[in-house]
């Protein structure tokens, strides 16, 4: 949130908004299962920004194929299950 505040104070252009959108999108994928409170706060902030096309890269090739077919949320759940069963 501080990055958004500082960037928009200096530069409130479409490029700045796209950069923050990408940052928030990447952060929301990281927090999706591990920190739901942060995830929902980020989603609220994303709704305030214009929508940009942003490809989410989750990990390896197989996971990204799953993501392109079923969506990143399903792929993230599979990734989470895989790593939680590895322990």
PDB file of N, CA and C in Angstrom:
ATOM      1  N   UNK A   1       0.829  -1.190   0.000  1.00  0.00           N
ATOM      2  CA  UNK A   1       0.000   0.000   0.000  1.00  0.00           C
ATOM      3  C   UNK A   1       0.873   1.253   0.000  1.00  0.00           C
ATOM      4  N   UNK A   2       1.994   1.181   0.731  1.00  0.00           N
ATOM      5  CA  UNK A   2       2.889   2.339   0.749  1.00  0.00           C
ATOM      6  C   UNK A   2       3.517   2.574  -0.621  1.00  0.00           C
ATOM      7  N   UNK A   3       3.871   1.512  -1.321  1.00  0.00           N
ATOM      8  CA  UNK A   3       4.419   1.665  -2.672  1.00  0.00           C
ATOM      9  C   UNK A   3       3.410   2.369  -3.574  1.00  0.00           C
ATOM     10  N   UNK A   4       2.149   1.965  -3.476  1.00  0.00           N
ATOM     11  CA  UNK A   4       1.103   2.592  -4.272  1.00  0.00           C
ATOM     12  C   UNK A   4       0.991   4.072  -3.924  1.00  0.00           C
ATOM     13  N   UNK A   5       0.970   4.361  -2.642  1.00  0.00           N
ATOM     14  CA  UNK A   5       0.835   5.751  -2.195  1.00  0.00           C
ATOM     15  C   UNK A   5       1.995   6.611  -2.704  1.00  0.00           C
ATOM     16  N   UNK A   6       3.221   6.136  -2.507  1.00  0.00           N
ATOM     17  CA  UNK A   6       4.388   6.912  -2.925  1.00  0.00           C
ATOM     18  C   UNK A   6       4.455   7.072  -4.432  1.00  0.00           C
ATOM     19  N   UNK A   7       4.159   6.003  -5.162  1.00  0.00           N
ATOM     20  CA  UNK A   7       4.217   6.088  -6.617  1.00  0.00           C
ATOM     21  C   UNK A   7       3.164   7.043  -7.156  1.00  0.00           C
ATOM     22  N   UNK A   8       1.936   6.948  -6.651  1.00  0.00           N
ATOM     23  CA  UNK A   8       0.870   7.805  -7.147  1.00  0.00           C
ATOM     24  C   UNK A   8       1.052   9.263  -6.740  1.00  0.00           C
ATOM     25  N   UNK A   9       1.766   9.519  -5.646  1.00  0.00           N
ATOM     26  CA  UNK A   9       2.069  10.908  -5.281  1.00  0.00           C
ATOM     27  C   UNK A   9       3.002  11.538  -6.301  1.00  0.00           C
ATOM     28  N   UNK A  10       3.921  10.744  -6.841  1.00  0.00           N
ATOM     29  CA  UNK A  10       4.905  11.259  -7.806  1.00  0.00           C
ATOM     30  C   UNK A  10       4.437  11.131  -9.253  1.00  0.00           C
ATOM     31  N   UNK A  11       3.679  10.050  -9.529  1.00  0.00           N
ATOM     32  CA  UNK A  11       3.361   9.742 -10.910  1.00  0.00           C
ATOM     33  C   UNK A  11       2.037   8.978 -10.954  1.00  0.00           C
ATOM     34  N   UNK A  12       0.981   9.618 -11.403  1.00  0.00           N
ATOM     35  CA  UNK A  12      -0.341   8.990 -11.436  1.00  0.00           C
ATOM     36  C   UNK A  12      -0.755   8.702 -12.883  1.00  0.00           C
ATOM     37  N   UNK A  13       0.162   8.098 -13.642  1.00  0.00           N
ATOM     38  CA  UNK A  13      -0.100   7.816 -15.051  1.00  0.00           C
ATOM     39  C   UNK A  13      -0.627   6.399 -15.216  1.00  0.00           C
ATOM     40  N   UNK A  14      -1.000   6.073 -16.437  1.00  0.00           N
ATOM     41  CA  UNK A  14      -1.476   4.717 -16.739  1.00  0.00           C
ATOM     42  C   UNK A  14      -0.374   3.688 -16.500  1.00  0.00           C
ATOM     43  N   UNK A  15       0.865   4.045 -16.788  1.00  0.00           N
ATOM     44  CA  UNK A  15       1.983   3.121 -16.564  1.00  0.00           C
ATOM     45  C   UNK A  15       2.159   2.827 -15.078  1.00  0.00           C
ATOM     46  N   UNK A  16       1.990   3.825 -14.234  1.00  0.00           N
ATOM     47  CA  UNK A  16       2.094   3.632 -12.786  1.00  0.00           C
ATOM     48  C   UNK A  16       0.952   2.747 -12.290  1.00  0.00           C
ATOM     49  N   UNK A  17      -0.234   2.980 -12.803  1.00  0.00           N
ATOM     50  CA  UNK A  17      -1.386   2.163 -12.405  1.00  0.00           C
ATOM     51  C   UNK A  17      -1.204   0.716 -12.857  1.00  0.00           C
ATOM     52  N   UNK A  18      -0.647   0.515 -14.043  1.00  0.00           N
ATOM     53  CA  UNK A  18      -0.399  -0.836 -14.532  1.00  0.00           C
ATOM     54  C   UNK A  18       0.656  -1.536 -13.671  1.00  0.00           C
ATOM     55  N   UNK A  19       1.681  -0.809 -13.268  1.00  0.00           N
ATOM     56  CA  UNK A  19       2.721  -1.395 -12.417  1.00  0.00           C
ATOM     57  C   UNK A  19       2.150  -1.827 -11.067  1.00  0.00           C
ATOM     58  N   UNK A  20       1.312  -0.991 -10.482  1.00  0.00           N
ATOM     59  CA  UNK A  20       0.696  -1.335  -9.198  1.00  0.00           C
ATOM     60  C   UNK A  20      -0.281  -2.491  -9.379  1.00  0.00           C
ATOM     61  N   UNK A  21      -1.025  -2.496 -10.482  1.00  0.00           N
ATOM     62  CA  UNK A  21      -1.935  -3.605 -10.763  1.00  0.00           C
ATOM     63  C   UNK A  21      -1.165  -4.918 -10.839  1.00  0.00           C
ATOM     64  N   UNK A  22      -0.038  -4.910 -11.542  1.00  0.00           N
ATOM     65  CA  UNK A  22       0.778  -6.118 -11.671  1.00  0.00           C
ATOM     66  C   UNK A  22       1.338  -6.541 -10.314  1.00  0.00           C
ATOM     67  N   UNK A  23       1.830  -5.588  -9.547  1.00  0.00           N
ATOM     68  CA  UNK A  23       2.363  -5.875  -8.211  1.00  0.00           C
ATOM     69  C   UNK A  23       1.297  -6.503  -7.320  1.00  0.00           C
ATOM     70  N   UNK A  24       0.111  -5.905  -7.288  1.00  0.00           N
ATOM     71  CA  UNK A  24      -0.977  -6.420  -6.461  1.00  0.00           C
ATOM     72  C   UNK A  24      -1.455  -7.789  -6.939  1.00  0.00           C
ATOM     73  N   UNK A  25      -1.481  -7.994  -8.252  1.00  0.00           N
ATOM     74  CA  UNK A  25      -1.893  -9.290  -8.791  1.00  0.00           C
ATOM     75  C   UNK A  25      -0.926 -10.385  -8.373  1.00  0.00           C
ATOM     76  N   UNK A  26       0.364 -10.116  -8.497  1.00  0.00           N
ATOM     77  CA  UNK A  26       1.371 -11.096  -8.087  1.00  0.00           C
ATOM     78  C   UNK A  26       1.301 -11.358  -6.586  1.00  0.00           C
ATOM     79  N   UNK A  27       1.127 -10.313  -5.810  1.00  0.00           N
ATOM     80  CA  UNK A  27       1.033 -10.465  -4.363  1.00  0.00           C
ATOM     81  C   UNK A  27      -0.214 -11.244  -3.965  1.00  0.00           C
ATOM     82  N   UNK A  28      -1.308 -11.022  -4.663  1.00  0.00           N
ATOM     83  CA  UNK A  28      -2.541 -11.746  -4.320  1.00  0.00           C
ATOM     84  C   UNK A  28      -2.405 -13.235  -4.597  1.00  0.00           C
ATOM     85  N   UNK A  29      -1.667 -13.613  -5.635  1.00  0.00           N
ATOM     86  CA  UNK A  29      -1.470 -15.035  -5.905  1.00  0.00           C
ATOM     87  C   UNK A  29      -0.595 -15.680  -4.834  1.00  0.00           C
ATOM     88  N   UNK A  30       0.340 -14.930  -4.304  1.00  0.00           N
ATOM     89  CA  UNK A  30       1.198 -15.450  -3.238  1.00  0.00           C
ATOM     90  C   UNK A  30       0.398 -15.637  -1.956  1.00  0.00           C
ATOM     91  N   UNK A  31      -0.472 -14.696  -1.649  1.00  0.00           N
ATOM     92  CA  UNK A  31      -1.220 -14.699  -0.391  1.00  0.00           C
ATOM     93  C   UNK A  31      -2.516 -15.487  -0.445  1.00  0.00           C
ATOM     94  N   UNK A  32      -2.915 -15.977  -1.600  1.00  0.00           N
ATOM     95  CA  UNK A  32      -4.235 -16.587  -1.797  1.00  0.00           C
ATOM     96  C   UNK A  32      -4.578 -17.623  -0.731  1.00  0.00           C
ATOM     97  N   UNK A  33      -3.734 -18.579  -0.496  1.00  0.00           N
ATOM     98  CA  UNK A  33      -4.035 -19.633   0.473  1.00  0.00           C
ATOM     99  C   UNK A  33      -3.341 -19.436   1.815  1.00  0.00           C
ATOM    100  N   UNK A  34      -2.236 -18.725   1.817  1.00  0.00           N
ATOM    101  CA  UNK A  34      -1.456 -18.609   3.054  1.00  0.00           C
ATOM    102  C   UNK A  34      -1.866 -17.436   3.929  1.00  0.00           C
ATOM    103  N   UNK A  35      -2.400 -16.379   3.350  1.00  0.00           N
ATOM    104  CA  UNK A  35      -2.802 -15.193   4.116  1.00  0.00           C
ATOM    105  C   UNK A  35      -4.092 -14.627   3.526  1.00  0.00           C
ATOM    106  N   UNK A  36      -5.235 -15.269   3.807  1.00  0.00           N
ATOM    107  CA  UNK A  36      -6.500 -14.855   3.183  1.00  0.00           C
ATOM    108  C   UNK A  36      -6.902 -13.414   3.485  1.00  0.00           C
ATOM    109  N   UNK A  37      -6.591 -12.914   4.662  1.00  0.00           N
ATOM    110  CA  UNK A  37      -6.932 -11.531   4.994  1.00  0.00           C
ATOM    111  C   UNK A  37      -6.242 -10.534   4.078  1.00  0.00           C
ATOM    112  N   UNK A  38      -4.952 -10.765   3.849  1.00  0.00           N
ATOM    113  CA  UNK A  38      -4.193  -9.897   2.938  1.00  0.00           C
ATOM    114  C   UNK A  38      -4.725 -10.052   1.521  1.00  0.00           C
ATOM    115  N   UNK A  39      -5.042 -11.280   1.134  1.00  0.00           N
ATOM    116  CA  UNK A  39      -5.581 -11.534  -0.206  1.00  0.00           C
ATOM    117  C   UNK A  39      -6.849 -10.715  -0.447  1.00  0.00           C
ATOM    118  N   UNK A  40      -7.773 -10.730   0.500  1.00  0.00           N
ATOM    119  CA  UNK A  40      -9.036  -9.997   0.322  1.00  0.00           C
ATOM    120  C   UNK A  40      -8.815  -8.486   0.309  1.00  0.00           C
ATOM    121  N   UNK A  41      -7.878  -7.993   1.097  1.00  0.00           N
ATOM    122  CA  UNK A  41      -7.557  -6.557   1.060  1.00  0.00           C
ATOM    123  C   UNK A  41      -6.979  -6.159  -0.293  1.00  0.00           C
ATOM    124  N   UNK A  42      -6.119  -7.007  -0.830  1.00  0.00           N
ATOM    125  CA  UNK A  42      -5.534  -6.728  -2.148  1.00  0.00           C
ATOM    126  C   UNK A  42      -6.622  -6.742  -3.227  1.00  0.00           C
ATOM    127  N   UNK A  43      -7.547  -7.686  -3.124  1.00  0.00           N
ATOM    128  CA  UNK A  43      -8.631  -7.752  -4.099  1.00  0.00           C
ATOM    129  C   UNK A  43      -9.479  -6.475  -4.081  1.00  0.00           C
ATOM    130  N   UNK A  44      -9.704  -5.920  -2.901  1.00  0.00           N
ATOM    131  CA  UNK A  44     -10.443  -4.649  -2.797  1.00  0.00           C
ATOM    132  C   UNK A  44      -9.686  -3.535  -3.507  1.00  0.00           C
ATOM    133  N   UNK A  45      -8.368  -3.508  -3.318  1.00  0.00           N
ATOM    134  CA  UNK A  45      -7.544  -2.479  -3.962  1.00  0.00           C
ATOM    135  C   UNK A  45      -7.509  -2.664  -5.482  1.00  0.00           C
ATOM    136  N   UNK A  46      -7.469  -3.901  -5.927  1.00  0.00           N
ATOM    137  CA  UNK A  46      -7.453  -4.159  -7.371  1.00  0.00           C
ATOM    138  C   UNK A  46      -8.728  -3.672  -8.049  1.00  0.00           C
ATOM    139  N   UNK A  47      -9.843  -3.726  -7.340  1.00  0.00           N
ATOM    140  CA  UNK A  47     -11.108  -3.253  -7.907  1.00  0.00           C
ATOM    141  C   UNK A  47     -11.108  -1.742  -8.130  1.00  0.00           C
ATOM    142  N   UNK A  48     -10.252  -1.024  -7.413  1.00  0.00           N
ATOM    143  CA  UNK A  48     -10.164   0.429  -7.558  1.00  0.00           C
ATOM    144  C   UNK A  48      -9.315   0.839  -8.761  1.00  0.00           C
ATOM    145  N   UNK A  49      -8.532  -0.106  -9.281  1.00  0.00           N
ATOM    146  CA  UNK A  49      -7.636   0.188 -10.396  1.00  0.00           C
ATOM    147  C   UNK A  49      -8.259  -0.249 -11.717  1.00  0.00           C
ATOM    148  N   UNK A  50      -7.831   0.361 -12.820  1.00  0.00           N
ATOM    149  CA  UNK A  50      -8.284  -0.125 -14.130  1.00  0.00           C
ATOM    150  C   UNK A  50      -7.771  -1.550 -14.346  1.00  0.00           C
ATOM    151  N   UNK A  51      -8.515  -2.345 -15.108  1.00  0.00           N
ATOM    152  CA  UNK A  51      -8.115  -3.729 -15.384  1.00  0.00           C
ATOM    153  C   UNK A  51      -7.056  -3.745 -16.487  1.00  0.00           C
ATOM    154  N   UNK A  52      -5.995  -4.485 -16.243  1.00  0.00           N
ATOM    155  CA  UNK A  52      -4.943  -4.678 -17.235  1.00  0.00           C
ATOM    156  C   UNK A  52      -4.744  -6.164 -17.428  1.00  0.00           C
ATOM    157  N   UNK A  53      -4.267  -6.536 -18.577  1.00  0.00           N
ATOM    158  CA  UNK A  53      -3.955  -7.931 -18.830  1.00  0.00           C
ATOM    159  C   UNK A  53      -2.631  -8.235 -18.144  1.00  0.00           C
ATOM    160  N   UNK A  54      -2.653  -9.245 -17.303  1.00  0.00           N
ATOM    161  CA  UNK A  54      -1.459  -9.573 -16.539  1.00  0.00           C
ATOM    162  C   UNK A  54      -1.397 -11.088 -16.391  1.00  0.00           C
ATOM    163  N   UNK A  55      -0.381 -11.707 -16.970  1.00  0.00           N
ATOM    164  CA  UNK A  55      -0.247 -13.160 -16.898  1.00  0.00           C
ATOM    165  C   UNK A  55       0.395 -13.526 -15.565  1.00  0.00           C
ATOM    166  N   UNK A  56      -0.253 -14.441 -14.861  1.00  0.00           N
ATOM    167  CA  UNK A  56       0.247 -14.900 -13.571  1.00  0.00           C
ATOM    168  C   UNK A  56       1.136 -16.121 -13.802  1.00  0.00           C
ATOM    169  N   UNK A  57       2.376 -16.040 -13.346  1.00  0.00           N
ATOM    170  CA  UNK A  57       3.313 -17.151 -13.444  1.00  0.00           C
ATOM    171  C   UNK A  57       3.443 -17.758 -12.056  1.00  0.00           C
ATOM    172  N   UNK A  58       3.015 -19.004 -11.924  1.00  0.00           N
ATOM    173  CA  UNK A  58       2.989 -19.642 -10.610  1.00  0.00           C
ATOM    174  C   UNK A  58       4.225 -20.467 -10.310  1.00  0.00           C
ATOM    175  N   UNK A  59       4.833 -21.009 -11.310  1.00  0.00           N
ATOM    176  CA  UNK A  59       5.978 -21.889 -11.053  1.00  0.00           C
ATOM    177  C   UNK A  59       6.434 -22.539 -12.327  1.00  0.00           C
ATOM    178  N   UNK A  60       6.533 -23.850 -12.283  1.00  0.00           N
ATOM    179  CA  UNK A  60       7.026 -24.609 -13.421  1.00  0.00           C
ATOM    180  C   UNK A  60       6.049 -24.695 -14.573  1.00  0.00           C
ATOM    181  N   UNK A  61       6.510 -25.341 -15.611  1.00  0.00           N
ATOM    182  CA  UNK A  61       5.742 -25.432 -16.858  1.00  0.00           C
ATOM    183  C   UNK A  61       4.405 -26.154 -16.656  1.00  0.00           C
ATOM    184  N   UNK A  62       4.424 -27.272 -15.941  1.00  0.00           N
ATOM    185  CA  UNK A  62       3.195 -28.043 -15.731  1.00  0.00           C
ATOM    186  C   UNK A  62       2.155 -27.232 -14.965  1.00  0.00           C
ATOM    187  N   UNK A  63       2.597 -26.537 -13.947  1.00  0.00           N
ATOM    188  CA  UNK A  63       1.679 -25.733 -13.148  1.00  0.00           C
ATOM    189  C   UNK A  63       1.088 -24.587 -13.960  1.00  0.00           C
ATOM    190  N   UNK A  64       1.880 -23.994 -14.818  1.00  0.00           N
ATOM    191  CA  UNK A  64       1.371 -22.908 -15.652  1.00  0.00           C
ATOM    192  C   UNK A  64       0.400 -23.417 -16.715  1.00  0.00           C
ATOM    193  N   UNK A  65       0.589 -24.652 -17.190  1.00  0.00           N
ATOM    194  CA  UNK A  65      -0.376 -25.253 -18.116  1.00  0.00           C
ATOM    195  C   UNK A  65      -1.698 -25.494 -17.394  1.00  0.00           C
ATOM    196  N   UNK A  66      -1.629 -26.028 -16.178  1.00  0.00           N
ATOM    197  CA  UNK A  66      -2.841 -26.228 -15.373  1.00  0.00           C
ATOM    198  C   UNK A  66      -3.540 -24.889 -15.153  1.00  0.00           C
ATOM    199  N   UNK A  67      -2.752 -23.862 -14.869  1.00  0.00           N
ATOM    200  CA  UNK A  67      -3.302 -22.523 -14.644  1.00  0.00           C
ATOM    201  C   UNK A  67      -4.015 -21.996 -15.883  1.00  0.00           C
ATOM    202  N   UNK A  68      -3.450 -22.218 -17.046  1.00  0.00           N
ATOM    203  CA  UNK A  68      -4.077 -21.705 -18.277  1.00  0.00           C
ATOM    204  C   UNK A  68      -5.368 -22.457 -18.607  1.00  0.00           C
ATOM    205  N   UNK A  69      -5.472 -23.715 -18.179  1.00  0.00           N
ATOM    206  CA  UNK A  69      -6.674 -24.504 -18.458  1.00  0.00           C
ATOM    207  C   UNK A  69      -7.755 -24.279 -17.403  1.00  0.00           C
ATOM    208  N   UNK A  70      -7.381 -24.384 -16.125  1.00  0.00           N
ATOM    209  CA  UNK A  70      -8.353 -24.354 -15.038  1.00  0.00           C
ATOM    210  C   UNK A  70      -8.393 -23.053 -14.251  1.00  0.00           C
ATOM    211  N   UNK A  71      -7.438 -22.182 -14.483  1.00  0.00           N
ATOM    212  CA  UNK A  71      -7.364 -20.931 -13.739  1.00  0.00           C
ATOM    213  C   UNK A  71      -6.292 -20.998 -12.663  1.00  0.00           C
ATOM    214  N   UNK A  72      -5.808 -19.824 -12.271  1.00  0.00           N
ATOM    215  CA  UNK A  72      -4.678 -19.794 -11.346  1.00  0.00           C
ATOM    216  C   UNK A  72      -5.055 -20.233  -9.938  1.00  0.00           C
ATOM    217  N   UNK A  73      -6.302 -20.046  -9.541  1.00  0.00           N
ATOM    218  CA  UNK A  73      -6.705 -20.448  -8.182  1.00  0.00           C
ATOM    219  C   UNK A  73      -6.642 -21.973  -8.013  1.00  0.00           C
ATOM    220  N   UNK A  74      -7.129 -22.717  -8.996  1.00  0.00           N
ATOM    221  CA  UNK A  74      -7.059 -24.177  -8.946  1.00  0.00           C
ATOM    222  C   UNK A  74      -5.600 -24.622  -8.968  1.00  0.00           C
ATOM    223  N   UNK A  75      -4.816 -24.016  -9.845  1.00  0.00           N
ATOM    224  CA  UNK A  75      -3.394 -24.370  -9.928  1.00  0.00           C
ATOM    225  C   UNK A  75      -2.681 -24.087  -8.608  1.00  0.00           C
ATOM    226  N   UNK A  76      -3.026 -22.999  -7.980  1.00  0.00           N
ATOM    227  CA  UNK A  76      -2.411 -22.643  -6.691  1.00  0.00           C
ATOM    228  C   UNK A  76      -2.786 -23.665  -5.620  1.00  0.00           C
ATOM    229  N   UNK A  77      -4.030 -24.136  -5.639  1.00  0.00           N
ATOM    230  CA  UNK A  77      -4.458 -25.168  -4.676  1.00  0.00           C
ATOM    231  C   UNK A  77      -3.687 -26.470  -4.899  1.00  0.00           C
ATOM    232  N   UNK A  78      -3.494 -26.852  -6.152  1.00  0.00           N
ATOM    233  CA  UNK A  78      -2.720 -28.050  -6.464  1.00  0.00           C
ATOM    234  C   UNK A  78      -1.284 -27.893  -5.983  1.00  0.00           C
ATOM    235  N   UNK A  79      -0.704 -26.728  -6.237  1.00  0.00           N
ATOM    236  CA  UNK A  79       0.655 -26.450  -5.785  1.00  0.00           C
ATOM    237  C   UNK A  79       0.742 -26.536  -4.263  1.00  0.00           C
ATOM    238  N   UNK A  80      -0.229 -25.973  -3.583  1.00  0.00           N
ATOM    239  CA  UNK A  80      -0.260 -25.986  -2.113  1.00  0.00           C
ATOM    240  C   UNK A  80      -0.366 -27.427  -1.599  1.00  0.00           C
ATOM    241  N   UNK A  81      -1.254 -28.219  -2.195  1.00  0.00           N
ATOM    242  CA  UNK A  81      -1.401 -29.629  -1.799  1.00  0.00           C
ATOM    243  C   UNK A  81      -0.128 -30.413  -2.038  1.00  0.00           C
ATOM    244  N   UNK A  82       0.512 -30.177  -3.163  1.00  0.00           N
ATOM    245  CA  UNK A  82       1.743 -30.881  -3.503  1.00  0.00           C
ATOM    246  C   UNK A  82       2.829 -30.622  -2.458  1.00  0.00           C
ATOM    247  N   UNK A  83       3.028 -29.350  -2.130  1.00  0.00           N
ATOM    248  CA  UNK A  83       4.089 -29.020  -1.179  1.00  0.00           C
ATOM    249  C   UNK A  83       3.732 -29.376   0.257  1.00  0.00           C
ATOM    250  N   UNK A  84       2.448 -29.360   0.611  1.00  0.00           N
ATOM    251  CA  UNK A  84       2.074 -29.742   1.976  1.00  0.00           C
ATOM    252  C   UNK A  84       2.198 -31.256   2.178  1.00  0.00           C
ATOM    253  N   UNK A  85       2.027 -32.053   1.114  1.00  0.00           N
ATOM    254  CA  UNK A  85       2.195 -33.506   1.204  1.00  0.00           C
ATOM    255  C   UNK A  85       3.658 -33.937   1.132  1.00  0.00           C
ATOM    256  N   UNK A  86       4.523 -33.052   0.671  1.00  0.00           N
ATOM    257  CA  UNK A  86       5.950 -33.357   0.564  1.00  0.00           C
ATOM    258  C   UNK A  86       6.642 -33.347   1.929  1.00  0.00           C
ATOM    259  N   UNK A  87       6.069 -32.655   2.885  1.00  0.00           N
ATOM    260  CA  UNK A  87       6.714 -32.495   4.194  1.00  0.00           C
ATOM    261  C   UNK A  87       6.697 -33.758   4.992  1.00  0.00           C
TER     262      UNK A  87
END
